[in-house]
Amino acid sequence: MYIYMGHMKYEHTKPYEDWFWKKN
């Protein structure tokens, strides 16, 4: 809901950085 309301962007809702998955 907060993406739609302008409080956050999609990238702000990702708990882990994109590099996290490859590293792990």
PDBML (XML) file of the C-alpha atoms, coordinates in Angstrom:
<?xml version="1.0" encoding="UTF-8" ?>
<PDBx:datablock datablockName="MODEL"
   xmlns:PDBx="http://pdbml.pdb.org/schema/pdbx-v50.xsd"
   xmlns:xsi="http://www.w3.org/2001/XMLSchema-instance"
   xsi:schemaLocation="http://pdbml.pdb.org/schema/pdbx-v50.xsd pdbx-v50.xsd">
   <PDBx:atom_siteCategory>
      <PDBx:atom_site id="1">
         <PDBx:B_iso_or_equiv>0.00</PDBx:B_iso_or_equiv>
         <PDBx:Cartn_x>0.000</PDBx:Cartn_x>
         <PDBx:Cartn_y>0.000</PDBx:Cartn_y>
         <PDBx:Cartn_z>0.000</PDBx:Cartn_z>
         <PDBx:auth_asym_id>A</PDBx:auth_asym_id>
         <PDBx:auth_atom_id>CA</PDBx:auth_atom_id>
         <PDBx:auth_comp_id>MET</PDBx:auth_comp_id>
         <PDBx:auth_seq_id>1</PDBx:auth_seq_id>
         <PDBx:group_PDB>ATOM</PDBx:group_PDB>
         <PDBx:label_alt_id xsi:nil="true" />
         <PDBx:label_asym_id>A</PDBx:label_asym_id>
         <PDBx:label_atom_id>CA</PDBx:label_atom_id>
         <PDBx:label_comp_id>MET</PDBx:label_comp_id>
         <PDBx:label_entity_id>1</PDBx:label_entity_id>
         <PDBx:label_seq_id>1</PDBx:label_seq_id>
         <PDBx:occupancy>1.00</PDBx:occupancy>
         <PDBx:pdbx_PDB_model_num>1</PDBx:pdbx_PDB_model_num>
         <PDBx:type_symbol>C</PDBx:type_symbol>
      </PDBx:atom_site>
      <PDBx:atom_site id="2">
         <PDBx:B_iso_or_equiv>0.00</PDBx:B_iso_or_equiv>
         <PDBx:Cartn_x>2.862</PDBx:Cartn_x>
         <PDBx:Cartn_y>2.393</PDBx:Cartn_y>
         <PDBx:Cartn_z>0.744</PDBx:Cartn_z>
         <PDBx:auth_asym_id>A</PDBx:auth_asym_id>
         <PDBx:auth_atom_id>CA</PDBx:auth_atom_id>
         <PDBx:auth_comp_id>TYR</PDBx:auth_comp_id>
         <PDBx:auth_seq_id>2</PDBx:auth_seq_id>
         <PDBx:group_PDB>ATOM</PDBx:group_PDB>
         <PDBx:label_alt_id xsi:nil="true" />
         <PDBx:label_asym_id>A</PDBx:label_asym_id>
         <PDBx:label_atom_id>CA</PDBx:label_atom_id>
         <PDBx:label_comp_id>TYR</PDBx:label_comp_id>
         <PDBx:label_entity_id>1</PDBx:label_entity_id>
         <PDBx:label_seq_id>2</PDBx:label_seq_id>
         <PDBx:occupancy>1.00</PDBx:occupancy>
         <PDBx:pdbx_PDB_model_num>1</PDBx:pdbx_PDB_model_num>
         <PDBx:type_symbol>C</PDBx:type_symbol>
      </PDBx:atom_site>
      <PDBx:atom_site id="3">
         <PDBx:B_iso_or_equiv>0.00</PDBx:B_iso_or_equiv>
         <PDBx:Cartn_x>4.184</PDBx:Cartn_x>
         <PDBx:Cartn_y>2.173</PDBx:Cartn_y>
         <PDBx:Cartn_z>-2.808</PDBx:Cartn_z>
         <PDBx:auth_asym_id>A</PDBx:auth_asym_id>
         <PDBx:auth_atom_id>CA</PDBx:auth_atom_id>
         <PDBx:auth_comp_id>ILE</PDBx:auth_comp_id>
         <PDBx:auth_seq_id>3</PDBx:auth_seq_id>
         <PDBx:group_PDB>ATOM</PDBx:group_PDB>
         <PDBx:label_alt_id xsi:nil="true" />
         <PDBx:label_asym_id>A</PDBx:label_asym_id>
         <PDBx:label_atom_id>CA</PDBx:label_atom_id>
         <PDBx:label_comp_id>ILE</PDBx:label_comp_id>
         <PDBx:label_entity_id>1</PDBx:label_entity_id>
         <PDBx:label_seq_id>3</PDBx:label_seq_id>
         <PDBx:occupancy>1.00</PDBx:occupancy>
         <PDBx:pdbx_PDB_model_num>1</PDBx:pdbx_PDB_model_num>
         <PDBx:type_symbol>C</PDBx:type_symbol>
      </PDBx:atom_site>
      <PDBx:atom_site id="4">
         <PDBx:B_iso_or_equiv>0.00</PDBx:B_iso_or_equiv>
         <PDBx:Cartn_x>0.831</PDBx:Cartn_x>
         <PDBx:Cartn_y>3.360</PDBx:Cartn_y>
         <PDBx:Cartn_z>-4.140</PDBx:Cartn_z>
         <PDBx:auth_asym_id>A</PDBx:auth_asym_id>
         <PDBx:auth_atom_id>CA</PDBx:auth_atom_id>
         <PDBx:auth_comp_id>TYR</PDBx:auth_comp_id>
         <PDBx:auth_seq_id>4</PDBx:auth_seq_id>
         <PDBx:group_PDB>ATOM</PDBx:group_PDB>
         <PDBx:label_alt_id xsi:nil="true" />
         <PDBx:label_asym_id>A</PDBx:label_asym_id>
         <PDBx:label_atom_id>CA</PDBx:label_atom_id>
         <PDBx:label_comp_id>TYR</PDBx:label_comp_id>
         <PDBx:label_entity_id>1</PDBx:label_entity_id>
         <PDBx:label_seq_id>4</PDBx:label_seq_id>
         <PDBx:occupancy>1.00</PDBx:occupancy>
         <PDBx:pdbx_PDB_model_num>1</PDBx:pdbx_PDB_model_num>
         <PDBx:type_symbol>C</PDBx:type_symbol>
      </PDBx:atom_site>
      <PDBx:atom_site id="5">
         <PDBx:B_iso_or_equiv>0.00</PDBx:B_iso_or_equiv>
         <PDBx:Cartn_x>0.613</PDBx:Cartn_x>
         <PDBx:Cartn_y>6.100</PDBx:Cartn_y>
         <PDBx:Cartn_z>-1.497</PDBx:Cartn_z>
         <PDBx:auth_asym_id>A</PDBx:auth_asym_id>
         <PDBx:auth_atom_id>CA</PDBx:auth_atom_id>
         <PDBx:auth_comp_id>MET</PDBx:auth_comp_id>
         <PDBx:auth_seq_id>5</PDBx:auth_seq_id>
         <PDBx:group_PDB>ATOM</PDBx:group_PDB>
         <PDBx:label_alt_id xsi:nil="true" />
         <PDBx:label_asym_id>A</PDBx:label_asym_id>
         <PDBx:label_atom_id>CA</PDBx:label_atom_id>
         <PDBx:label_comp_id>MET</PDBx:label_comp_id>
         <PDBx:label_entity_id>1</PDBx:label_entity_id>
         <PDBx:label_seq_id>5</PDBx:label_seq_id>
         <PDBx:occupancy>1.00</PDBx:occupancy>
         <PDBx:pdbx_PDB_model_num>1</PDBx:pdbx_PDB_model_num>
         <PDBx:type_symbol>C</PDBx:type_symbol>
      </PDBx:atom_site>
      <PDBx:atom_site id="6">
         <PDBx:B_iso_or_equiv>0.00</PDBx:B_iso_or_equiv>
         <PDBx:Cartn_x>4.036</PDBx:Cartn_x>
         <PDBx:Cartn_y>7.440</PDBx:Cartn_y>
         <PDBx:Cartn_z>-2.450</PDBx:Cartn_z>
         <PDBx:auth_asym_id>A</PDBx:auth_asym_id>
         <PDBx:auth_atom_id>CA</PDBx:auth_atom_id>
         <PDBx:auth_comp_id>GLY</PDBx:auth_comp_id>
         <PDBx:auth_seq_id>6</PDBx:auth_seq_id>
         <PDBx:group_PDB>ATOM</PDBx:group_PDB>
         <PDBx:label_alt_id xsi:nil="true" />
         <PDBx:label_asym_id>A</PDBx:label_asym_id>
         <PDBx:label_atom_id>CA</PDBx:label_atom_id>
         <PDBx:label_comp_id>GLY</PDBx:label_comp_id>
         <PDBx:label_entity_id>1</PDBx:label_entity_id>
         <PDBx:label_seq_id>6</PDBx:label_seq_id>
         <PDBx:occupancy>1.00</PDBx:occupancy>
         <PDBx:pdbx_PDB_model_num>1</PDBx:pdbx_PDB_model_num>
         <PDBx:type_symbol>C</PDBx:type_symbol>
      </PDBx:atom_site>
      <PDBx:atom_site id="7">
         <PDBx:B_iso_or_equiv>0.00</PDBx:B_iso_or_equiv>
         <PDBx:Cartn_x>5.661</PDBx:Cartn_x>
         <PDBx:Cartn_y>6.733</PDBx:Cartn_y>
         <PDBx:Cartn_z>0.914</PDBx:Cartn_z>
         <PDBx:auth_asym_id>A</PDBx:auth_asym_id>
         <PDBx:auth_atom_id>CA</PDBx:auth_atom_id>
         <PDBx:auth_comp_id>HIS</PDBx:auth_comp_id>
         <PDBx:auth_seq_id>7</PDBx:auth_seq_id>
         <PDBx:group_PDB>ATOM</PDBx:group_PDB>
         <PDBx:label_alt_id xsi:nil="true" />
         <PDBx:label_asym_id>A</PDBx:label_asym_id>
         <PDBx:label_atom_id>CA</PDBx:label_atom_id>
         <PDBx:label_comp_id>HIS</PDBx:label_comp_id>
         <PDBx:label_entity_id>1</PDBx:label_entity_id>
         <PDBx:label_seq_id>7</PDBx:label_seq_id>
         <PDBx:occupancy>1.00</PDBx:occupancy>
         <PDBx:pdbx_PDB_model_num>1</PDBx:pdbx_PDB_model_num>
         <PDBx:type_symbol>C</PDBx:type_symbol>
      </PDBx:atom_site>
      <PDBx:atom_site id="8">
         <PDBx:B_iso_or_equiv>0.00</PDBx:B_iso_or_equiv>
         <PDBx:Cartn_x>8.041</PDBx:Cartn_x>
         <PDBx:Cartn_y>4.179</PDBx:Cartn_y>
         <PDBx:Cartn_z>-0.584</PDBx:Cartn_z>
         <PDBx:auth_asym_id>A</PDBx:auth_asym_id>
         <PDBx:auth_atom_id>CA</PDBx:auth_atom_id>
         <PDBx:auth_comp_id>MET</PDBx:auth_comp_id>
         <PDBx:auth_seq_id>8</PDBx:auth_seq_id>
         <PDBx:group_PDB>ATOM</PDBx:group_PDB>
         <PDBx:label_alt_id xsi:nil="true" />
         <PDBx:label_asym_id>A</PDBx:label_asym_id>
         <PDBx:label_atom_id>CA</PDBx:label_atom_id>
         <PDBx:label_comp_id>MET</PDBx:label_comp_id>
         <PDBx:label_entity_id>1</PDBx:label_entity_id>
         <PDBx:label_seq_id>8</PDBx:label_seq_id>
         <PDBx:occupancy>1.00</PDBx:occupancy>
         <PDBx:pdbx_PDB_model_num>1</PDBx:pdbx_PDB_model_num>
         <PDBx:type_symbol>C</PDBx:type_symbol>
      </PDBx:atom_site>
      <PDBx:atom_site id="9">
         <PDBx:B_iso_or_equiv>0.00</PDBx:B_iso_or_equiv>
         <PDBx:Cartn_x>9.362</PDBx:Cartn_x>
         <PDBx:Cartn_y>3.018</PDBx:Cartn_y>
         <PDBx:Cartn_z>-3.916</PDBx:Cartn_z>
         <PDBx:auth_asym_id>A</PDBx:auth_asym_id>
         <PDBx:auth_atom_id>CA</PDBx:auth_atom_id>
         <PDBx:auth_comp_id>LYS</PDBx:auth_comp_id>
         <PDBx:auth_seq_id>9</PDBx:auth_seq_id>
         <PDBx:group_PDB>ATOM</PDBx:group_PDB>
         <PDBx:label_alt_id xsi:nil="true" />
         <PDBx:label_asym_id>A</PDBx:label_asym_id>
         <PDBx:label_atom_id>CA</PDBx:label_atom_id>
         <PDBx:label_comp_id>LYS</PDBx:label_comp_id>
         <PDBx:label_entity_id>1</PDBx:label_entity_id>
         <PDBx:label_seq_id>9</PDBx:label_seq_id>
         <PDBx:occupancy>1.00</PDBx:occupancy>
         <PDBx:pdbx_PDB_model_num>1</PDBx:pdbx_PDB_model_num>
         <PDBx:type_symbol>C</PDBx:type_symbol>
      </PDBx:atom_site>
      <PDBx:atom_site id="10">
         <PDBx:B_iso_or_equiv>0.00</PDBx:B_iso_or_equiv>
         <PDBx:Cartn_x>9.489</PDBx:Cartn_x>
         <PDBx:Cartn_y>-0.628</PDBx:Cartn_y>
         <PDBx:Cartn_z>-4.916</PDBx:Cartn_z>
         <PDBx:auth_asym_id>A</PDBx:auth_asym_id>
         <PDBx:auth_atom_id>CA</PDBx:auth_atom_id>
         <PDBx:auth_comp_id>TYR</PDBx:auth_comp_id>
         <PDBx:auth_seq_id>10</PDBx:auth_seq_id>
         <PDBx:group_PDB>ATOM</PDBx:group_PDB>
         <PDBx:label_alt_id xsi:nil="true" />
         <PDBx:label_asym_id>A</PDBx:label_asym_id>
         <PDBx:label_atom_id>CA</PDBx:label_atom_id>
         <PDBx:label_comp_id>TYR</PDBx:label_comp_id>
         <PDBx:label_entity_id>1</PDBx:label_entity_id>
         <PDBx:label_seq_id>10</PDBx:label_seq_id>
         <PDBx:occupancy>1.00</PDBx:occupancy>
         <PDBx:pdbx_PDB_model_num>1</PDBx:pdbx_PDB_model_num>
         <PDBx:type_symbol>C</PDBx:type_symbol>
      </PDBx:atom_site>
      <PDBx:atom_site id="11">
         <PDBx:B_iso_or_equiv>0.00</PDBx:B_iso_or_equiv>
         <PDBx:Cartn_x>13.246</PDBx:Cartn_x>
         <PDBx:Cartn_y>-0.791</PDBx:Cartn_y>
         <PDBx:Cartn_z>-4.322</PDBx:Cartn_z>
         <PDBx:auth_asym_id>A</PDBx:auth_asym_id>
         <PDBx:auth_atom_id>CA</PDBx:auth_atom_id>
         <PDBx:auth_comp_id>GLU</PDBx:auth_comp_id>
         <PDBx:auth_seq_id>11</PDBx:auth_seq_id>
         <PDBx:group_PDB>ATOM</PDBx:group_PDB>
         <PDBx:label_alt_id xsi:nil="true" />
         <PDBx:label_asym_id>A</PDBx:label_asym_id>
         <PDBx:label_atom_id>CA</PDBx:label_atom_id>
         <PDBx:label_comp_id>GLU</PDBx:label_comp_id>
         <PDBx:label_entity_id>1</PDBx:label_entity_id>
         <PDBx:label_seq_id>11</PDBx:label_seq_id>
         <PDBx:occupancy>1.00</PDBx:occupancy>
         <PDBx:pdbx_PDB_model_num>1</PDBx:pdbx_PDB_model_num>
         <PDBx:type_symbol>C</PDBx:type_symbol>
      </PDBx:atom_site>
      <PDBx:atom_site id="12">
         <PDBx:B_iso_or_equiv>0.00</PDBx:B_iso_or_equiv>
         <PDBx:Cartn_x>12.702</PDBx:Cartn_x>
         <PDBx:Cartn_y>0.424</PDBx:Cartn_y>
         <PDBx:Cartn_z>-0.749</PDBx:Cartn_z>
         <PDBx:auth_asym_id>A</PDBx:auth_asym_id>
         <PDBx:auth_atom_id>CA</PDBx:auth_atom_id>
         <PDBx:auth_comp_id>HIS</PDBx:auth_comp_id>
         <PDBx:auth_seq_id>12</PDBx:auth_seq_id>
         <PDBx:group_PDB>ATOM</PDBx:group_PDB>
         <PDBx:label_alt_id xsi:nil="true" />
         <PDBx:label_asym_id>A</PDBx:label_asym_id>
         <PDBx:label_atom_id>CA</PDBx:label_atom_id>
         <PDBx:label_comp_id>HIS</PDBx:label_comp_id>
         <PDBx:label_entity_id>1</PDBx:label_entity_id>
         <PDBx:label_seq_id>12</PDBx:label_seq_id>
         <PDBx:occupancy>1.00</PDBx:occupancy>
         <PDBx:pdbx_PDB_model_num>1</PDBx:pdbx_PDB_model_num>
         <PDBx:type_symbol>C</PDBx:type_symbol>
      </PDBx:atom_site>
      <PDBx:atom_site id="13">
         <PDBx:B_iso_or_equiv>0.00</PDBx:B_iso_or_equiv>
         <PDBx:Cartn_x>10.530</PDBx:Cartn_x>
         <PDBx:Cartn_y>-2.623</PDBx:Cartn_y>
         <PDBx:Cartn_z>-0.016</PDBx:Cartn_z>
         <PDBx:auth_asym_id>A</PDBx:auth_asym_id>
         <PDBx:auth_atom_id>CA</PDBx:auth_atom_id>
         <PDBx:auth_comp_id>THR</PDBx:auth_comp_id>
         <PDBx:auth_seq_id>13</PDBx:auth_seq_id>
         <PDBx:group_PDB>ATOM</PDBx:group_PDB>
         <PDBx:label_alt_id xsi:nil="true" />
         <PDBx:label_asym_id>A</PDBx:label_asym_id>
         <PDBx:label_atom_id>CA</PDBx:label_atom_id>
         <PDBx:label_comp_id>THR</PDBx:label_comp_id>
         <PDBx:label_entity_id>1</PDBx:label_entity_id>
         <PDBx:label_seq_id>13</PDBx:label_seq_id>
         <PDBx:occupancy>1.00</PDBx:occupancy>
         <PDBx:pdbx_PDB_model_num>1</PDBx:pdbx_PDB_model_num>
         <PDBx:type_symbol>C</PDBx:type_symbol>
      </PDBx:atom_site>
      <PDBx:atom_site id="14">
         <PDBx:B_iso_or_equiv>0.00</PDBx:B_iso_or_equiv>
         <PDBx:Cartn_x>13.321</PDBx:Cartn_x>
         <PDBx:Cartn_y>-5.125</PDBx:Cartn_y>
         <PDBx:Cartn_z>-0.718</PDBx:Cartn_z>
         <PDBx:auth_asym_id>A</PDBx:auth_asym_id>
         <PDBx:auth_atom_id>CA</PDBx:auth_atom_id>
         <PDBx:auth_comp_id>LYS</PDBx:auth_comp_id>
         <PDBx:auth_seq_id>14</PDBx:auth_seq_id>
         <PDBx:group_PDB>ATOM</PDBx:group_PDB>
         <PDBx:label_alt_id xsi:nil="true" />
         <PDBx:label_asym_id>A</PDBx:label_asym_id>
         <PDBx:label_atom_id>CA</PDBx:label_atom_id>
         <PDBx:label_comp_id>LYS</PDBx:label_comp_id>
         <PDBx:label_entity_id>1</PDBx:label_entity_id>
         <PDBx:label_seq_id>14</PDBx:label_seq_id>
         <PDBx:occupancy>1.00</PDBx:occupancy>
         <PDBx:pdbx_PDB_model_num>1</PDBx:pdbx_PDB_model_num>
         <PDBx:type_symbol>C</PDBx:type_symbol>
      </PDBx:atom_site>
      <PDBx:atom_site id="15">
         <PDBx:B_iso_or_equiv>0.00</PDBx:B_iso_or_equiv>
         <PDBx:Cartn_x>14.802</PDBx:Cartn_x>
         <PDBx:Cartn_y>-6.215</PDBx:Cartn_y>
         <PDBx:Cartn_z>2.647</PDBx:Cartn_z>
         <PDBx:auth_asym_id>A</PDBx:auth_asym_id>
         <PDBx:auth_atom_id>CA</PDBx:auth_atom_id>
         <PDBx:auth_comp_id>PRO</PDBx:auth_comp_id>
         <PDBx:auth_seq_id>15</PDBx:auth_seq_id>
         <PDBx:group_PDB>ATOM</PDBx:group_PDB>
         <PDBx:label_alt_id xsi:nil="true" />
         <PDBx:label_asym_id>A</PDBx:label_asym_id>
         <PDBx:label_atom_id>CA</PDBx:label_atom_id>
         <PDBx:label_comp_id>PRO</PDBx:label_comp_id>
         <PDBx:label_entity_id>1</PDBx:label_entity_id>
         <PDBx:label_seq_id>15</PDBx:label_seq_id>
         <PDBx:occupancy>1.00</PDBx:occupancy>
         <PDBx:pdbx_PDB_model_num>1</PDBx:pdbx_PDB_model_num>
         <PDBx:type_symbol>C</PDBx:type_symbol>
      </PDBx:atom_site>
      <PDBx:atom_site id="16">
         <PDBx:B_iso_or_equiv>0.00</PDBx:B_iso_or_equiv>
         <PDBx:Cartn_x>18.033</PDBx:Cartn_x>
         <PDBx:Cartn_y>-7.381</PDBx:Cartn_y>
         <PDBx:Cartn_z>0.964</PDBx:Cartn_z>
         <PDBx:auth_asym_id>A</PDBx:auth_asym_id>
         <PDBx:auth_atom_id>CA</PDBx:auth_atom_id>
         <PDBx:auth_comp_id>TYR</PDBx:auth_comp_id>
         <PDBx:auth_seq_id>16</PDBx:auth_seq_id>
         <PDBx:group_PDB>ATOM</PDBx:group_PDB>
         <PDBx:label_alt_id xsi:nil="true" />
         <PDBx:label_asym_id>A</PDBx:label_asym_id>
         <PDBx:label_atom_id>CA</PDBx:label_atom_id>
         <PDBx:label_comp_id>TYR</PDBx:label_comp_id>
         <PDBx:label_entity_id>1</PDBx:label_entity_id>
         <PDBx:label_seq_id>16</PDBx:label_seq_id>
         <PDBx:occupancy>1.00</PDBx:occupancy>
         <PDBx:pdbx_PDB_model_num>1</PDBx:pdbx_PDB_model_num>
         <PDBx:type_symbol>C</PDBx:type_symbol>
      </PDBx:atom_site>
      <PDBx:atom_site id="17">
         <PDBx:B_iso_or_equiv>0.00</PDBx:B_iso_or_equiv>
         <PDBx:Cartn_x>20.315</PDBx:Cartn_x>
         <PDBx:Cartn_y>-5.799</PDBx:Cartn_y>
         <PDBx:Cartn_z>-1.585</PDBx:Cartn_z>
         <PDBx:auth_asym_id>A</PDBx:auth_asym_id>
         <PDBx:auth_atom_id>CA</PDBx:auth_atom_id>
         <PDBx:auth_comp_id>GLU</PDBx:auth_comp_id>
         <PDBx:auth_seq_id>17</PDBx:auth_seq_id>
         <PDBx:group_PDB>ATOM</PDBx:group_PDB>
         <PDBx:label_alt_id xsi:nil="true" />
         <PDBx:label_asym_id>A</PDBx:label_asym_id>
         <PDBx:label_atom_id>CA</PDBx:label_atom_id>
         <PDBx:label_comp_id>GLU</PDBx:label_comp_id>
         <PDBx:label_entity_id>1</PDBx:label_entity_id>
         <PDBx:label_seq_id>17</PDBx:label_seq_id>
         <PDBx:occupancy>1.00</PDBx:occupancy>
         <PDBx:pdbx_PDB_model_num>1</PDBx:pdbx_PDB_model_num>
         <PDBx:type_symbol>C</PDBx:type_symbol>
      </PDBx:atom_site>
      <PDBx:atom_site id="18">
         <PDBx:B_iso_or_equiv>0.00</PDBx:B_iso_or_equiv>
         <PDBx:Cartn_x>20.252</PDBx:Cartn_x>
         <PDBx:Cartn_y>-7.396</PDBx:Cartn_y>
         <PDBx:Cartn_z>-5.027</PDBx:Cartn_z>
         <PDBx:auth_asym_id>A</PDBx:auth_asym_id>
         <PDBx:auth_atom_id>CA</PDBx:auth_atom_id>
         <PDBx:auth_comp_id>ASP</PDBx:auth_comp_id>
         <PDBx:auth_seq_id>18</PDBx:auth_seq_id>
         <PDBx:group_PDB>ATOM</PDBx:group_PDB>
         <PDBx:label_alt_id xsi:nil="true" />
         <PDBx:label_asym_id>A</PDBx:label_asym_id>
         <PDBx:label_atom_id>CA</PDBx:label_atom_id>
         <PDBx:label_comp_id>ASP</PDBx:label_comp_id>
         <PDBx:label_entity_id>1</PDBx:label_entity_id>
         <PDBx:label_seq_id>18</PDBx:label_seq_id>
         <PDBx:occupancy>1.00</PDBx:occupancy>
         <PDBx:pdbx_PDB_model_num>1</PDBx:pdbx_PDB_model_num>
         <PDBx:type_symbol>C</PDBx:type_symbol>
      </PDBx:atom_site>
      <PDBx:atom_site id="19">
         <PDBx:B_iso_or_equiv>0.00</PDBx:B_iso_or_equiv>
         <PDBx:Cartn_x>23.780</PDBx:Cartn_x>
         <PDBx:Cartn_y>-8.746</PDBx:Cartn_y>
         <PDBx:Cartn_z>-4.522</PDBx:Cartn_z>
         <PDBx:auth_asym_id>A</PDBx:auth_asym_id>
         <PDBx:auth_atom_id>CA</PDBx:auth_atom_id>
         <PDBx:auth_comp_id>TRP</PDBx:auth_comp_id>
         <PDBx:auth_seq_id>19</PDBx:auth_seq_id>
         <PDBx:group_PDB>ATOM</PDBx:group_PDB>
         <PDBx:label_alt_id xsi:nil="true" />
         <PDBx:label_asym_id>A</PDBx:label_asym_id>
         <PDBx:label_atom_id>CA</PDBx:label_atom_id>
         <PDBx:label_comp_id>TRP</PDBx:label_comp_id>
         <PDBx:label_entity_id>1</PDBx:label_entity_id>
         <PDBx:label_seq_id>19</PDBx:label_seq_id>
         <PDBx:occupancy>1.00</PDBx:occupancy>
         <PDBx:pdbx_PDB_model_num>1</PDBx:pdbx_PDB_model_num>
         <PDBx:type_symbol>C</PDBx:type_symbol>
      </PDBx:atom_site>
      <PDBx:atom_site id="20">
         <PDBx:B_iso_or_equiv>0.00</PDBx:B_iso_or_equiv>
         <PDBx:Cartn_x>22.654</PDBx:Cartn_x>
         <PDBx:Cartn_y>-10.687</PDBx:Cartn_y>
         <PDBx:Cartn_z>-1.428</PDBx:Cartn_z>
         <PDBx:auth_asym_id>A</PDBx:auth_asym_id>
         <PDBx:auth_atom_id>CA</PDBx:auth_atom_id>
         <PDBx:auth_comp_id>PHE</PDBx:auth_comp_id>
         <PDBx:auth_seq_id>20</PDBx:auth_seq_id>
         <PDBx:group_PDB>ATOM</PDBx:group_PDB>
         <PDBx:label_alt_id xsi:nil="true" />
         <PDBx:label_asym_id>A</PDBx:label_asym_id>
         <PDBx:label_atom_id>CA</PDBx:label_atom_id>
         <PDBx:label_comp_id>PHE</PDBx:label_comp_id>
         <PDBx:label_entity_id>1</PDBx:label_entity_id>
         <PDBx:label_seq_id>20</PDBx:label_seq_id>
         <PDBx:occupancy>1.00</PDBx:occupancy>
         <PDBx:pdbx_PDB_model_num>1</PDBx:pdbx_PDB_model_num>
         <PDBx:type_symbol>C</PDBx:type_symbol>
      </PDBx:atom_site>
      <PDBx:atom_site id="21">
         <PDBx:B_iso_or_equiv>0.00</PDBx:B_iso_or_equiv>
         <PDBx:Cartn_x>21.312</PDBx:Cartn_x>
         <PDBx:Cartn_y>-13.628</PDBx:Cartn_y>
         <PDBx:Cartn_z>-3.427</PDBx:Cartn_z>
         <PDBx:auth_asym_id>A</PDBx:auth_asym_id>
         <PDBx:auth_atom_id>CA</PDBx:auth_atom_id>
         <PDBx:auth_comp_id>TRP</PDBx:auth_comp_id>
         <PDBx:auth_seq_id>21</PDBx:auth_seq_id>
         <PDBx:group_PDB>ATOM</PDBx:group_PDB>
         <PDBx:label_alt_id xsi:nil="true" />
         <PDBx:label_asym_id>A</PDBx:label_asym_id>
         <PDBx:label_atom_id>CA</PDBx:label_atom_id>
         <PDBx:label_comp_id>TRP</PDBx:label_comp_id>
         <PDBx:label_entity_id>1</PDBx:label_entity_id>
         <PDBx:label_seq_id>21</PDBx:label_seq_id>
         <PDBx:occupancy>1.00</PDBx:occupancy>
         <PDBx:pdbx_PDB_model_num>1</PDBx:pdbx_PDB_model_num>
         <PDBx:type_symbol>C</PDBx:type_symbol>
      </PDBx:atom_site>
      <PDBx:atom_site id="22">
         <PDBx:B_iso_or_equiv>0.00</PDBx:B_iso_or_equiv>
         <PDBx:Cartn_x>24.426</PDBx:Cartn_x>
         <PDBx:Cartn_y>-14.296</PDBx:Cartn_y>
         <PDBx:Cartn_z>-5.470</PDBx:Cartn_z>
         <PDBx:auth_asym_id>A</PDBx:auth_asym_id>
         <PDBx:auth_atom_id>CA</PDBx:auth_atom_id>
         <PDBx:auth_comp_id>LYS</PDBx:auth_comp_id>
         <PDBx:auth_seq_id>22</PDBx:auth_seq_id>
         <PDBx:group_PDB>ATOM</PDBx:group_PDB>
         <PDBx:label_alt_id xsi:nil="true" />
         <PDBx:label_asym_id>A</PDBx:label_asym_id>
         <PDBx:label_atom_id>CA</PDBx:label_atom_id>
         <PDBx:label_comp_id>LYS</PDBx:label_comp_id>
         <PDBx:label_entity_id>1</PDBx:label_entity_id>
         <PDBx:label_seq_id>22</PDBx:label_seq_id>
         <PDBx:occupancy>1.00</PDBx:occupancy>
         <PDBx:pdbx_PDB_model_num>1</PDBx:pdbx_PDB_model_num>
         <PDBx:type_symbol>C</PDBx:type_symbol>
      </PDBx:atom_site>
      <PDBx:atom_site id="23">
         <PDBx:B_iso_or_equiv>0.00</PDBx:B_iso_or_equiv>
         <PDBx:Cartn_x>26.675</PDBx:Cartn_x>
         <PDBx:Cartn_y>-13.856</PDBx:Cartn_y>
         <PDBx:Cartn_z>-2.445</PDBx:Cartn_z>
         <PDBx:auth_asym_id>A</PDBx:auth_asym_id>
         <PDBx:auth_atom_id>CA</PDBx:auth_atom_id>
         <PDBx:auth_comp_id>LYS</PDBx:auth_comp_id>
         <PDBx:auth_seq_id>23</PDBx:auth_seq_id>
         <PDBx:group_PDB>ATOM</PDBx:group_PDB>
         <PDBx:label_alt_id xsi:nil="true" />
         <PDBx:label_asym_id>A</PDBx:label_asym_id>
         <PDBx:label_atom_id>CA</PDBx:label_atom_id>
         <PDBx:label_comp_id>LYS</PDBx:label_comp_id>
         <PDBx:label_entity_id>1</PDBx:label_entity_id>
         <PDBx:label_seq_id>23</PDBx:label_seq_id>
         <PDBx:occupancy>1.00</PDBx:occupancy>
         <PDBx:pdbx_PDB_model_num>1</PDBx:pdbx_PDB_model_num>
         <PDBx:type_symbol>C</PDBx:type_symbol>
      </PDBx:atom_site>
      <PDBx:atom_site id="24">
         <PDBx:B_iso_or_equiv>0.00</PDBx:B_iso_or_equiv>
         <PDBx:Cartn_x>24.612</PDBx:Cartn_x>
         <PDBx:Cartn_y>-16.417</PDBx:Cartn_y>
         <PDBx:Cartn_z>-0.518</PDBx:Cartn_z>
         <PDBx:auth_asym_id>A</PDBx:auth_asym_id>
         <PDBx:auth_atom_id>CA</PDBx:auth_atom_id>
         <PDBx:auth_comp_id>ASN</PDBx:auth_comp_id>
         <PDBx:auth_seq_id>24</PDBx:auth_seq_id>
         <PDBx:group_PDB>ATOM</PDBx:group_PDB>
         <PDBx:label_alt_id xsi:nil="true" />
         <PDBx:label_asym_id>A</PDBx:label_asym_id>
         <PDBx:label_atom_id>CA</PDBx:label_atom_id>
         <PDBx:label_comp_id>ASN</PDBx:label_comp_id>
         <PDBx:label_entity_id>1</PDBx:label_entity_id>
         <PDBx:label_seq_id>24</PDBx:label_seq_id>
         <PDBx:occupancy>1.00</PDBx:occupancy>
         <PDBx:pdbx_PDB_model_num>1</PDBx:pdbx_PDB_model_num>
         <PDBx:type_symbol>C</PDBx:type_symbol>
      </PDBx:atom_site>
   </PDBx:atom_siteCategory>
</PDBx:datablock>
